[in-house]
Amino acid sequence: MEASPTFRELFTPKLVSVLREGYGLKQLRADAVAGLTVAIVALPLSMAIAIASGVSPDRGLYTAIVGGFLVSALGGSRFQIGGPAGAFIVLVASTVARHGLDGLILATMMSGVFLVAIGYLRLGTYIKFIPYPVTVGFTAGIAVIIFASQLSELFGLSLDGKEPGALIPKLKALAAAWGTFNPSAILIALLTVVIIVGLKRARPSWPGMLFAVAAASIATALLSLPVETIGTRFGGIPRTLPFPALPAFNLATMQAVLPDAIAFTLLGAIESLLSAVVADGMTGRRHRSNCELVAQGFANIGSALFGGICVTGTIARTATNVRSGAYGPVSGMLHATFLLLFILVAAPLASYIPLAALAGVLAVVAWNMVEKTAFAALLRSSWGDALVLLVTFALVIFRDLTEGIVVGFALGSLLFIHRMSQQVAIDVGPADAADASGDERVAYDASVSADPQTVVYRISGAFFFGSASTVASVLDRIADRYRNFVLDCSGVAFLDSSAANVIESAARKAERAGLRLFIAGASPQVRRMLFAHGVRPPHVRYKTTVAGALKQVRGERLKET
């Protein structure tokens, strides 16, 4: 049996592993090129996500710099790039609306603590059990929300009051303000989208988002277009990182932001590990999930200390990192360093970036987030997967992100239990075929036993609480005319306490009826569970095979005669 990994193996950052392998100038050059490429992608995206989240653009840059550095330095994924993510836009915006910026920073810090705890408790292993239809529906729902949140900037609309957060009221408010649309904003947004899409097709290795934002900024300045820019709305961005500081908090504030912190934790864990899995699929590597969660936790704490927002692994930037030829985590650390150099040297240029251009960037991001092929395939695959997908999608859009995940996971779990319960099968000997013919789960097997006083039941599949009642109804048909009852468990892949209780009840019934009960082929795990529930000698006899049980039956019958 393979030994379980040690604590050190589970929580050693990939950076340490890479440096131990031997790290030279060649590897540094590859990481520098990849880090610069990712930084160019992350620069406009970080600011756009921050603005869409209801905070100033510099908060997004602080998040990418501090959080991105810590994710790469401490993480369990070789290629993970951390920073602000589009998936958090709705959660962050609603937290800011309810609790202000200080409440957001406190919730981010608390989320970091929770993530560290989840990682060290080794719970990250279980997050991978989120059903695929849930992740697809969840991601598609977020994409719709992100796109809807950018409509006012895409069309340059001027609303009378604050833009509603919920989708239906938001669309009503935007429709009411349609008469205020700004043709210049629409032109800039279209220009941005066309350049991004065009360069992706013609020159996929070029940083299309940066070129698009730069072209839109130049066009806005040269033509003096009447559109809002980062400078007119936010006054630009600072040229330095702020000093680290703890947010103001007390017990009441912590209780108030606790639901938001839990939502950040759940979404951050799922998004980060999903991104790490994508990187593994692209490279053939294997990430350390619990180490990755610990790193995400410390990254969120660090980001909050510097006034940043939620940090998570970002799928698009991580994929860009891999495609750019990164060798290891140093590329992510250099990506954060290059972003820091940008705000130190070129921060004044950010004032000229039009908000419509950043809205165009997020519109493209939202479109790319939707896994269109997977969405269509799940709708066609089965009614159960389609139901989980559509319920998750609808709840995310019209209700709440966390509610969508929880309900989707619950539906997916029920669907799994239902499917697994359908897989259990019972084959019965010929003497009992007439009794069993009324149950569609029971298949006639004429080869089991030719002894009219002996009945053999063969259980196969996962025998657990989902199938326990069905199996119990079959086992209850043991007739008094049998003297020997052989229960073949060689095909039982798994048995839980509910199933063990069913067998214990059958054993008691057999003992009252004067039947000899044999359990054949039980694995050590199955036998331990049965022993724990009192299914043990002398009331029950265990045999390695059915043939061995039948041989003993024949021997005892010869002795009796």
Protein backbone atom coordinates (compact mmCIF):
# COMPACT_ATOMS: atom_id res chain seq x y z
CA MET A 1 0.00 0.00 0.00
CA GLU A 2 1.30 3.46 -0.91
CA ALA A 3 2.27 5.57 2.09
CA SER A 4 0.23 8.68 2.80
CA PRO A 5 2.04 11.95 2.08
CA THR A 6 3.60 13.68 5.06
CA PHE A 7 2.66 17.13 6.33
CA ARG A 8 5.82 18.56 4.77
CA GLU A 9 5.02 17.01 1.39
CA LEU A 10 1.46 18.35 1.48
CA PHE A 11 2.33 21.91 2.43
CA THR A 12 5.70 22.56 0.80
CA PRO A 13 5.18 25.43 -1.70
CA LYS A 14 5.88 24.61 -5.32
CA LEU A 15 8.44 27.43 -5.34
CA VAL A 16 10.61 25.44 -2.92
CA SER A 17 10.22 22.30 -5.03
CA VAL A 18 11.19 24.15 -8.22
CA LEU A 19 14.25 25.73 -6.61
CA ARG A 20 15.35 22.31 -5.32
CA GLU A 21 15.20 20.93 -8.85
CA GLY A 22 17.77 23.47 -9.94
CA TYR A 23 16.93 26.94 -11.14
CA GLY A 24 19.21 28.82 -13.49
CA LEU A 25 19.32 31.67 -15.97
CA LYS A 26 17.41 29.74 -18.63
CA GLN A 27 14.48 29.11 -16.28
CA LEU A 28 14.57 32.72 -15.05
CA ARG A 29 14.42 34.01 -18.63
CA ALA A 30 11.37 31.86 -19.38
CA ASP A 31 9.63 33.01 -16.21
CA ALA A 32 10.46 36.66 -16.91
CA VAL A 33 8.92 36.53 -20.39
CA ALA A 34 5.80 34.76 -19.08
CA GLY A 35 5.53 37.11 -16.09
CA LEU A 36 5.72 40.19 -18.31
CA THR A 37 3.10 38.77 -20.67
CA VAL A 38 0.70 38.02 -17.81
CA ALA A 39 1.30 41.45 -16.27
CA ILE A 40 0.32 43.10 -19.54
CA VAL A 41 -2.92 41.10 -19.52
CA ALA A 42 -3.55 41.69 -15.82
CA LEU A 43 -2.99 45.46 -15.93
CA PRO A 44 -6.25 46.57 -17.58
CA LEU A 45 -8.17 43.58 -16.25
CA SER A 46 -7.34 44.27 -12.59
CA MET A 47 -8.51 47.87 -12.88
CA ALA A 48 -11.66 46.89 -14.78
CA ILE A 49 -12.63 44.26 -12.19
CA ALA A 50 -12.04 46.70 -9.34
CA ILE A 51 -14.21 49.39 -10.92
CA ALA A 52 -16.97 46.87 -11.68
CA SER A 53 -16.76 45.74 -8.04
CA GLY A 54 -17.56 49.22 -6.76
CA VAL A 55 -14.06 50.24 -5.65
CA SER A 56 -11.34 52.41 -7.19
CA PRO A 57 -9.03 50.90 -9.85
CA ASP A 58 -5.94 51.07 -7.65
CA ARG A 59 -7.55 48.48 -5.31
CA GLY A 60 -7.45 45.97 -8.14
CA LEU A 61 -3.78 46.68 -8.77
CA TYR A 62 -2.91 46.32 -5.07
CA THR A 63 -4.72 42.97 -5.11
CA ALA A 64 -2.81 41.72 -8.13
CA ILE A 65 0.54 42.93 -6.78
CA VAL A 66 0.38 41.76 -3.16
CA GLY A 67 -2.02 38.87 -3.55
CA GLY A 68 -0.51 37.68 -6.81
CA PHE A 69 2.99 37.64 -5.33
CA LEU A 70 1.93 35.63 -2.27
CA VAL A 71 -0.13 33.14 -4.28
CA SER A 72 2.89 32.29 -6.42
CA ALA A 73 5.42 32.36 -3.59
CA LEU A 74 3.44 30.17 -1.17
CA GLY A 75 1.09 28.20 -3.43
CA GLY A 76 0.81 24.55 -4.27
CA SER A 77 0.40 25.12 -8.01
CA ARG A 78 3.39 25.62 -10.22
CA PHE A 79 1.70 28.03 -12.63
CA GLN A 80 -1.14 29.66 -10.68
CA ILE A 81 -1.60 33.41 -11.16
CA GLY A 82 -3.51 35.16 -8.39
CA GLY A 83 -5.36 38.43 -8.46
CA PRO A 84 -8.85 39.96 -8.56
CA ALA A 85 -11.33 37.79 -10.46
CA GLY A 86 -14.51 38.52 -12.35
CA ALA A 87 -16.31 35.86 -10.35
CA PHE A 88 -16.08 38.08 -7.26
CA ILE A 89 -17.51 41.22 -8.83
CA VAL A 90 -21.06 40.68 -7.60
CA LEU A 91 -20.04 39.58 -4.09
CA VAL A 92 -17.57 42.42 -3.64
CA ALA A 93 -19.99 45.03 -4.97
CA SER A 94 -22.79 43.87 -2.66
CA THR A 95 -20.42 43.81 0.33
CA VAL A 96 -19.26 47.36 -0.38
CA ALA A 97 -22.88 48.50 -0.73
CA ARG A 98 -23.83 47.01 2.65
CA HIS A 99 -20.72 47.51 4.77
CA GLY A 100 -18.52 50.03 2.97
CA LEU A 101 -14.87 49.65 2.02
CA ASP A 102 -13.74 48.88 5.59
CA GLY A 103 -16.31 46.09 5.80
CA LEU A 104 -15.06 44.67 2.50
CA ILE A 105 -11.44 44.67 3.66
CA LEU A 106 -12.41 43.04 6.96
CA ALA A 107 -14.43 40.34 5.15
CA THR A 108 -11.46 39.73 2.84
CA MET A 109 -9.12 39.31 5.80
CA MET A 110 -11.53 36.98 7.60
CA SER A 111 -11.89 34.96 4.40
CA GLY A 112 -8.11 34.63 4.32
CA VAL A 113 -8.09 33.23 7.84
CA PHE A 114 -10.83 30.74 6.91
CA LEU A 115 -8.92 29.62 3.82
CA VAL A 116 -5.75 29.03 5.83
CA ALA A 117 -7.75 26.96 8.33
CA ILE A 118 -9.44 24.95 5.55
CA GLY A 119 -6.07 24.23 3.99
CA TYR A 120 -4.37 23.11 7.20
CA LEU A 121 -7.41 20.98 8.08
CA ARG A 122 -6.91 19.31 4.67
CA LEU A 123 -10.46 20.04 3.56
CA GLY A 124 -9.36 21.20 0.13
CA THR A 125 -9.47 17.61 -1.06
CA TYR A 126 -13.27 17.64 -0.80
CA ILE A 127 -13.86 20.81 -2.79
CA LYS A 128 -13.16 18.84 -5.97
CA PHE A 129 -16.46 17.02 -5.37
CA ILE A 130 -18.43 20.03 -6.62
CA PRO A 131 -20.45 18.58 -9.55
CA TYR A 132 -19.43 19.70 -13.03
CA PRO A 133 -22.93 21.03 -13.95
CA VAL A 134 -22.73 23.28 -10.88
CA THR A 135 -19.41 24.83 -11.93
CA VAL A 136 -20.60 25.33 -15.53
CA GLY A 137 -23.93 26.86 -14.49
CA PHE A 138 -22.26 28.97 -11.81
CA THR A 139 -19.64 30.34 -14.20
CA ALA A 140 -22.23 31.09 -16.88
CA GLY A 141 -24.43 32.88 -14.33
CA ILE A 142 -21.53 35.03 -13.18
CA ALA A 143 -20.75 35.90 -16.80
CA VAL A 144 -24.31 37.14 -17.32
CA ILE A 145 -24.12 39.25 -14.17
CA ILE A 146 -20.75 40.74 -15.15
CA PHE A 147 -22.02 41.67 -18.60
CA ALA A 148 -25.19 43.21 -17.14
CA SER A 149 -23.09 45.24 -14.69
CA GLN A 150 -21.20 46.83 -17.60
CA LEU A 151 -24.20 47.87 -19.71
CA SER A 152 -24.32 51.37 -18.26
CA GLU A 153 -20.63 51.95 -19.09
CA LEU A 154 -20.87 50.27 -22.50
CA PHE A 155 -23.66 52.64 -23.54
CA GLY A 156 -22.60 55.63 -21.44
CA LEU A 157 -25.94 55.80 -19.63
CA SER A 158 -26.64 58.33 -16.90
CA LEU A 159 -28.91 56.96 -14.17
CA ASP A 160 -30.91 59.20 -11.85
CA GLY A 161 -29.97 57.22 -8.75
CA LYS A 162 -27.77 54.32 -7.76
CA GLU A 163 -27.76 51.37 -10.15
CA PRO A 164 -29.66 48.42 -8.62
CA GLY A 165 -27.73 45.25 -7.92
CA ALA A 166 -30.44 42.69 -8.77
CA LEU A 167 -30.70 41.83 -12.45
CA ILE A 168 -34.38 42.61 -13.17
CA PRO A 169 -34.43 46.00 -11.34
CA LYS A 170 -31.08 46.80 -12.99
CA LEU A 171 -32.44 46.16 -16.47
CA LYS A 172 -35.53 48.24 -15.70
CA ALA A 173 -33.37 51.15 -14.49
CA LEU A 174 -31.12 50.91 -17.55
CA ALA A 175 -34.13 50.82 -19.87
CA ALA A 176 -35.52 53.94 -18.18
CA ALA A 177 -32.18 55.72 -18.75
CA TRP A 178 -31.83 54.64 -22.37
CA GLY A 179 -32.44 58.16 -23.64
CA THR A 180 -29.14 59.28 -22.07
CA PHE A 181 -26.92 56.92 -24.10
CA ASN A 182 -23.57 58.31 -25.23
CA PRO A 183 -22.57 57.49 -28.85
CA SER A 184 -18.92 58.17 -28.03
CA ALA A 185 -18.94 55.60 -25.21
CA ILE A 186 -20.56 53.05 -27.52
CA LEU A 187 -17.90 53.75 -30.16
CA ILE A 188 -15.03 53.33 -27.67
CA ALA A 189 -16.52 50.10 -26.28
CA LEU A 190 -16.98 48.67 -29.79
CA LEU A 191 -13.44 49.68 -30.76
CA THR A 192 -12.10 47.88 -27.69
CA VAL A 193 -14.04 44.68 -28.35
CA VAL A 194 -13.13 44.64 -32.07
CA ILE A 195 -9.42 45.04 -31.35
CA ILE A 196 -9.40 42.33 -28.67
CA VAL A 197 -11.31 39.85 -30.82
CA GLY A 198 -9.40 40.75 -33.99
CA LEU A 199 -5.96 40.38 -32.41
CA LYS A 200 -6.96 37.12 -30.75
CA ARG A 201 -7.68 35.68 -34.20
CA ALA A 202 -4.88 37.34 -36.17
CA ARG A 203 -2.14 37.53 -33.52
CA PRO A 204 -3.12 35.31 -30.56
CA SER A 205 0.26 35.81 -28.86
CA TRP A 206 -0.19 39.60 -28.68
CA PRO A 207 -1.66 41.27 -25.57
CA GLY A 208 -4.94 42.26 -27.19
CA MET A 209 -6.50 43.77 -24.05
CA LEU A 210 -3.59 46.14 -23.49
CA PHE A 211 -3.49 47.21 -27.16
CA ALA A 212 -7.25 47.73 -27.14
CA VAL A 213 -7.24 49.87 -24.00
CA ALA A 214 -4.24 51.85 -25.25
CA ALA A 215 -5.91 52.49 -28.64
CA ALA A 216 -9.17 53.52 -26.96
CA SER A 217 -7.29 55.90 -24.62
CA ILE A 218 -5.39 57.49 -27.50
CA ALA A 219 -8.57 57.89 -29.55
CA THR A 220 -10.38 59.46 -26.59
CA ALA A 221 -7.57 61.95 -25.98
CA LEU A 222 -6.92 62.90 -29.62
CA LEU A 223 -10.59 63.28 -30.51
CA SER A 224 -11.53 64.84 -27.15
CA LEU A 225 -14.43 62.43 -26.86
CA PRO A 226 -16.94 63.22 -24.09
CA VAL A 227 -16.57 59.98 -22.15
CA GLU A 228 -15.67 59.28 -18.54
CA THR A 229 -12.13 58.18 -17.80
CA ILE A 230 -10.33 56.89 -14.73
CA GLY A 231 -9.06 60.43 -14.22
CA THR A 232 -12.44 62.15 -14.37
CA ARG A 233 -14.13 59.65 -12.05
CA PHE A 234 -11.36 58.57 -9.68
CA GLY A 235 -8.67 61.21 -10.12
CA GLY A 236 -6.12 58.66 -11.36
CA ILE A 237 -4.27 56.05 -9.33
CA PRO A 238 -1.52 56.46 -6.70
CA ARG A 239 2.11 55.97 -7.70
CA THR A 240 3.04 53.86 -4.66
CA LEU A 241 1.71 51.02 -2.56
CA PRO A 242 -0.01 52.14 0.63
CA PHE A 243 1.43 51.23 4.02
CA PRO A 244 -0.09 48.05 5.44
CA ALA A 245 -2.81 48.67 8.00
CA LEU A 246 -5.46 46.67 9.81
CA PRO A 247 -9.08 47.59 9.04
CA ALA A 248 -11.17 49.03 11.83
CA PHE A 249 -13.20 46.25 13.37
CA ASN A 250 -15.07 45.06 16.43
CA LEU A 251 -17.16 42.03 17.29
CA ALA A 252 -20.35 43.51 15.88
CA THR A 253 -18.68 44.37 12.57
CA MET A 254 -17.16 40.91 12.32
CA GLN A 255 -20.57 39.32 12.85
CA ALA A 256 -22.09 41.62 10.24
CA VAL A 257 -19.57 40.70 7.52
CA LEU A 258 -19.31 37.01 8.45
CA PRO A 259 -21.76 35.83 5.72
CA ASP A 260 -19.76 37.76 3.14
CA ALA A 261 -16.48 36.31 4.42
CA ILE A 262 -17.91 32.79 4.17
CA ALA A 263 -19.11 33.48 0.61
CA PHE A 264 -15.64 34.80 -0.31
CA THR A 265 -14.09 31.68 1.21
CA LEU A 266 -16.32 29.24 -0.62
CA LEU A 267 -16.04 30.96 -3.98
CA GLY A 268 -12.31 31.58 -3.58
CA ALA A 269 -11.58 27.96 -2.77
CA ILE A 270 -13.60 26.67 -5.71
CA GLU A 271 -12.22 29.20 -8.19
CA SER A 272 -8.60 28.72 -7.10
CA LEU A 273 -8.64 24.93 -7.21
CA LEU A 274 -10.52 24.95 -10.50
CA SER A 275 -7.83 27.20 -11.95
CA ALA A 276 -5.11 24.91 -10.58
CA VAL A 277 -6.83 21.90 -12.16
CA VAL A 278 -6.93 23.71 -15.52
CA ALA A 279 -3.19 24.39 -15.23
CA ASP A 280 -2.59 20.71 -14.38
CA GLY A 281 -4.53 19.66 -17.47
CA MET A 282 -2.45 21.95 -19.68
CA THR A 283 0.93 20.88 -18.29
CA GLY A 284 0.54 17.35 -16.94
CA ARG A 285 1.63 18.57 -13.50
CA ARG A 286 -0.20 18.00 -10.22
CA HIS A 287 -0.98 20.74 -7.73
CA ARG A 288 -1.17 20.46 -3.93
CA SER A 289 -4.72 21.53 -3.18
CA ASN A 290 -4.41 22.17 0.56
CA CYS A 291 -1.13 24.05 0.16
CA GLU A 292 -2.82 26.14 -2.52
CA LEU A 293 -5.67 27.05 -0.17
CA VAL A 294 -3.22 28.06 2.55
CA ALA A 295 -1.46 30.34 0.05
CA GLN A 296 -4.78 31.83 -1.07
CA GLY A 297 -5.57 32.52 2.57
CA PHE A 298 -2.33 34.34 3.26
CA ALA A 299 -2.72 36.21 -0.05
CA ASN A 300 -6.15 37.49 0.99
CA ILE A 301 -4.79 38.57 4.36
CA GLY A 302 -1.90 40.34 2.65
CA SER A 303 -4.19 41.99 0.10
CA ALA A 304 -6.49 43.26 2.86
CA LEU A 305 -3.54 44.72 4.79
CA PHE A 306 -2.63 46.80 1.72
CA GLY A 307 -6.20 47.86 0.99
CA GLY A 308 -6.82 45.31 -1.76
CA ILE A 309 -9.87 43.15 -2.42
CA CYS A 310 -10.40 39.39 -2.71
CA VAL A 311 -7.63 37.32 -4.26
CA THR A 312 -8.14 34.03 -6.06
CA GLY A 313 -6.54 31.94 -8.75
CA THR A 314 -7.52 33.31 -12.15
CA ILE A 315 -8.10 30.82 -14.94
CA ALA A 316 -7.46 33.13 -17.92
CA ARG A 317 -4.24 34.62 -16.52
CA THR A 318 -3.02 31.21 -15.35
CA ALA A 319 -3.64 29.78 -18.83
CA THR A 320 -1.79 32.74 -20.34
CA ASN A 321 1.10 32.05 -17.99
CA VAL A 322 1.30 28.42 -19.15
CA ARG A 323 1.02 29.31 -22.85
CA SER A 324 3.76 31.92 -22.44
CA GLY A 325 6.25 29.22 -21.46
CA ALA A 326 6.49 29.74 -17.70
CA TYR A 327 8.78 27.35 -15.87
CA GLY A 328 7.57 27.80 -12.29
CA PRO A 329 6.11 30.11 -9.64
CA VAL A 330 8.75 32.78 -10.22
CA SER A 331 6.76 33.90 -13.27
CA GLY A 332 3.80 34.77 -11.04
CA MET A 333 6.06 36.63 -8.63
CA LEU A 334 7.57 38.59 -11.53
CA HIS A 335 4.09 39.35 -12.87
CA ALA A 336 3.34 41.07 -9.56
CA THR A 337 6.70 42.89 -9.68
CA PHE A 338 6.04 44.21 -13.19
CA LEU A 339 2.65 45.53 -12.07
CA LEU A 340 4.33 47.31 -9.17
CA LEU A 341 6.81 48.90 -11.59
CA PHE A 342 3.87 50.10 -13.67
CA ILE A 343 2.26 52.07 -10.86
CA LEU A 344 5.67 53.43 -9.83
CA VAL A 345 6.54 54.66 -13.34
CA ALA A 346 3.42 55.01 -15.47
CA ALA A 347 0.56 55.62 -13.05
CA PRO A 348 -0.35 59.05 -14.54
CA LEU A 349 -1.14 57.41 -17.88
CA ALA A 350 -3.97 55.45 -16.27
CA SER A 351 -5.97 58.68 -15.92
CA TYR A 352 -6.59 58.69 -19.68
CA ILE A 353 -8.17 55.22 -19.81
CA PRO A 354 -11.89 55.52 -20.70
CA LEU A 355 -14.27 53.50 -18.54
CA ALA A 356 -16.10 52.36 -21.69
CA ALA A 357 -12.90 50.62 -22.80
CA LEU A 358 -12.62 48.76 -19.52
CA ALA A 359 -16.29 47.82 -19.85
CA GLY A 360 -15.47 46.41 -23.28
CA VAL A 361 -12.67 44.35 -21.73
CA LEU A 362 -15.08 42.89 -19.19
CA ALA A 363 -17.68 42.21 -21.88
CA VAL A 364 -15.12 40.03 -23.66
CA VAL A 365 -14.16 38.39 -20.36
CA ALA A 366 -17.83 37.60 -19.66
CA TRP A 367 -18.27 36.05 -23.11
CA ASN A 368 -15.15 33.92 -22.68
CA MET A 369 -16.21 32.79 -19.21
CA VAL A 370 -19.26 30.95 -20.54
CA GLU A 371 -18.34 27.37 -21.39
CA LYS A 372 -20.73 27.30 -24.31
CA THR A 373 -19.87 23.83 -25.60
CA ALA A 374 -20.07 22.30 -22.11
CA PHE A 375 -23.35 24.12 -21.41
CA ALA A 376 -24.96 22.71 -24.56
CA ALA A 377 -23.56 19.22 -23.91
CA LEU A 378 -24.97 19.14 -20.38
CA LEU A 379 -28.39 20.19 -21.63
CA ARG A 380 -28.32 17.24 -24.03
CA SER A 381 -26.70 14.66 -21.76
CA SER A 382 -29.46 13.86 -19.24
CA TRP A 383 -32.43 15.46 -17.53
CA GLY A 384 -30.65 15.37 -14.18
CA ASP A 385 -27.53 17.21 -15.33
CA ALA A 386 -29.67 19.71 -17.24
CA LEU A 387 -31.76 20.36 -14.12
CA VAL A 388 -28.71 20.96 -11.91
CA LEU A 389 -27.16 23.22 -14.57
CA LEU A 390 -30.27 25.35 -15.12
CA VAL A 391 -31.19 25.65 -11.43
CA THR A 392 -27.65 26.76 -10.55
CA PHE A 393 -27.59 29.18 -13.48
CA ALA A 394 -30.97 30.70 -12.59
CA LEU A 395 -30.23 31.03 -8.87
CA VAL A 396 -26.89 32.73 -9.52
CA ILE A 397 -28.54 35.25 -11.84
CA PHE A 398 -31.74 35.96 -9.97
CA ARG A 399 -30.97 35.10 -6.35
CA ASP A 400 -27.48 34.75 -4.91
CA LEU A 401 -24.11 33.22 -5.81
CA THR A 402 -23.75 31.20 -2.63
CA GLU A 403 -27.34 30.00 -2.84
CA GLY A 404 -26.70 28.86 -6.39
CA ILE A 405 -23.66 26.81 -5.35
CA VAL A 406 -25.33 25.28 -2.28
CA VAL A 407 -28.60 24.36 -4.02
CA GLY A 408 -26.78 23.13 -7.11
CA PHE A 409 -24.48 20.98 -4.99
CA ALA A 410 -27.45 19.57 -3.06
CA LEU A 411 -29.32 18.73 -6.29
CA GLY A 412 -26.17 17.19 -7.75
CA SER A 413 -25.69 15.07 -4.64
CA LEU A 414 -29.30 13.85 -4.75
CA LEU A 415 -28.88 13.03 -8.42
CA PHE A 416 -25.71 11.07 -7.66
CA ILE A 417 -27.42 9.14 -4.85
CA HIS A 418 -30.34 8.33 -7.14
CA ARG A 419 -28.04 7.09 -9.89
CA MET A 420 -25.92 5.03 -7.52
CA SER A 421 -29.00 3.46 -5.95
CA GLN A 422 -30.03 2.32 -9.44
CA GLN A 423 -26.74 0.47 -9.85
CA VAL A 424 -27.21 -2.04 -7.02
CA ALA A 425 -28.36 -5.45 -8.28
CA ILE A 426 -29.43 -8.71 -6.65
CA ASP A 427 -29.21 -12.03 -8.44
CA VAL A 428 -31.23 -14.82 -6.87
CA GLY A 429 -31.09 -18.61 -7.14
CA PRO A 430 -33.80 -20.55 -9.03
CA ALA A 431 -35.71 -21.61 -5.95
CA ASP A 432 -36.54 -17.98 -5.21
CA ALA A 433 -37.15 -16.77 -8.73
CA ALA A 434 -40.92 -16.79 -8.41
CA ASP A 435 -40.79 -14.73 -5.23
CA ALA A 436 -38.50 -12.18 -6.84
CA SER A 437 -40.19 -11.82 -10.20
CA GLY A 438 -42.17 -8.79 -9.06
CA ASP A 439 -39.08 -6.61 -8.55
CA GLU A 440 -37.47 -5.23 -11.67
CA ARG A 441 -34.08 -4.97 -9.94
CA VAL A 442 -33.82 -8.74 -9.45
CA ALA A 443 -32.39 -10.83 -12.28
CA TYR A 444 -32.93 -14.60 -12.52
CA ASP A 445 -29.70 -16.59 -12.43
CA ALA A 446 -30.22 -20.33 -12.97
CA SER A 447 -26.62 -21.24 -12.28
CA VAL A 448 -26.44 -20.29 -8.63
CA SER A 449 -27.56 -23.42 -6.81
CA ALA A 450 -29.35 -26.63 -7.65
CA ASP A 451 -30.16 -27.38 -4.00
CA PRO A 452 -33.87 -26.66 -3.30
CA GLN A 453 -33.10 -26.11 0.38
CA THR A 454 -30.43 -23.52 -0.33
CA VAL A 455 -30.88 -20.00 -1.65
CA VAL A 456 -28.06 -17.75 -2.83
CA TYR A 457 -28.41 -13.99 -3.03
CA ARG A 458 -25.68 -12.13 -4.90
CA ILE A 459 -25.46 -8.37 -4.17
CA SER A 460 -23.36 -6.22 -6.50
CA GLY A 461 -22.72 -2.50 -6.70
CA ALA A 462 -22.58 0.20 -4.03
CA PHE A 463 -24.72 -1.00 -1.14
CA PHE A 464 -25.53 2.15 0.85
CA PHE A 465 -28.45 4.04 2.33
CA GLY A 466 -29.76 4.99 -1.11
CA SER A 467 -30.32 1.34 -2.04
CA ALA A 468 -30.80 -0.16 1.43
CA SER A 469 -34.61 -0.16 1.38
CA THR A 470 -34.73 -1.90 -2.01
CA VAL A 471 -32.31 -4.62 -0.94
CA ALA A 472 -34.14 -5.02 2.39
CA SER A 473 -37.44 -5.64 0.58
CA VAL A 474 -35.79 -8.45 -1.38
CA LEU A 475 -34.02 -10.03 1.59
CA ASP A 476 -37.27 -10.04 3.54
CA ARG A 477 -38.58 -12.66 1.10
CA ILE A 478 -36.55 -15.45 2.69
CA ALA A 479 -39.04 -18.32 2.82
CA ASP A 480 -39.30 -20.78 5.66
CA ARG A 481 -38.75 -23.70 3.27
CA TYR A 482 -35.04 -22.79 2.93
CA ARG A 483 -32.58 -24.12 5.46
CA ASN A 484 -29.45 -22.47 4.05
CA PHE A 485 -29.02 -18.84 3.06
CA VAL A 486 -25.81 -17.76 1.25
CA LEU A 487 -25.27 -14.01 0.80
CA ASP A 488 -22.62 -13.36 -1.86
CA CYS A 489 -20.97 -9.98 -1.16
CA SER A 490 -18.02 -10.41 -3.54
CA GLY A 491 -19.52 -7.78 -5.85
CA VAL A 492 -20.17 -5.19 -3.13
CA ALA A 493 -17.83 -2.28 -3.82
CA PHE A 494 -18.95 -0.29 -0.81
CA LEU A 495 -21.17 -0.88 2.23
CA ASP A 496 -22.25 1.71 4.78
CA SER A 497 -23.95 1.45 8.18
CA SER A 498 -27.48 1.51 6.69
CA ALA A 499 -26.63 -1.44 4.48
CA ALA A 500 -24.96 -3.26 7.39
CA ASN A 501 -28.14 -2.78 9.41
CA VAL A 502 -30.17 -4.38 6.58
CA ILE A 503 -27.90 -7.44 6.62
CA GLU A 504 -28.05 -7.56 10.42
CA SER A 505 -31.86 -7.60 10.24
CA ALA A 506 -31.72 -10.37 7.63
CA ALA A 507 -29.36 -12.34 9.89
CA ARG A 508 -31.74 -12.05 12.84
CA LYS A 509 -34.66 -13.17 10.67
CA ALA A 510 -32.64 -16.12 9.39
CA GLU A 511 -31.71 -17.12 12.93
CA ARG A 512 -35.35 -17.00 14.06
CA ALA A 513 -36.36 -19.13 11.09
CA GLY A 514 -33.63 -21.66 11.82
CA LEU A 515 -31.67 -20.90 8.64
CA ARG A 516 -27.92 -21.22 8.38
CA LEU A 517 -26.55 -17.91 7.09
CA PHE A 518 -23.31 -17.71 5.14
CA ILE A 519 -21.67 -14.48 3.93
CA ALA A 520 -19.27 -15.15 1.06
CA GLY A 521 -16.64 -12.99 -0.62
CA ALA A 522 -16.85 -10.02 1.76
CA SER A 523 -13.82 -7.73 1.52
CA PRO A 524 -11.97 -6.80 4.73
CA GLN A 525 -13.64 -3.36 4.74
CA VAL A 526 -17.12 -4.84 4.30
CA ARG A 527 -16.44 -7.47 6.96
CA ARG A 528 -15.28 -4.83 9.46
CA MET A 529 -18.46 -2.84 8.95
CA LEU A 530 -20.61 -5.97 9.38
CA PHE A 531 -18.73 -6.98 12.53
CA ALA A 532 -19.28 -3.49 13.97
CA HIS A 533 -23.04 -4.02 13.55
CA GLY A 534 -23.07 -7.44 15.21
CA VAL A 535 -23.07 -9.57 12.06
CA ARG A 536 -20.49 -12.05 13.34
CA PRO A 537 -20.06 -15.75 14.26
CA PRO A 538 -21.61 -17.94 15.52
CA HIS A 539 -24.82 -16.50 14.08
CA VAL A 540 -23.18 -15.92 10.72
CA ARG A 541 -20.47 -17.91 8.96
CA TYR A 542 -18.00 -16.13 6.68
CA LYS A 543 -16.56 -17.85 3.61
CA THR A 544 -14.15 -16.67 0.98
CA THR A 545 -16.30 -17.88 -1.93
CA VAL A 546 -19.83 -19.03 -2.65
CA ALA A 547 -18.43 -22.41 -3.69
CA GLY A 548 -16.86 -22.75 -0.25
CA ALA A 549 -20.17 -21.96 1.43
CA LEU A 550 -22.07 -24.47 -0.71
CA LYS A 551 -19.42 -27.11 -0.04
CA GLN A 552 -19.89 -26.66 3.70
CA VAL A 553 -23.67 -26.83 3.26
CA ARG A 554 -23.35 -30.15 1.43
CA GLY A 555 -20.97 -31.49 4.10
CA GLU A 556 -23.32 -30.60 6.94
CA ARG A 557 -26.27 -32.17 5.11
CA LEU A 558 -24.28 -35.42 4.70
CA LYS A 559 -23.55 -35.42 8.42
CA GLU A 560 -27.24 -34.87 9.20
CA THR A 561 -28.26 -37.82 7.00
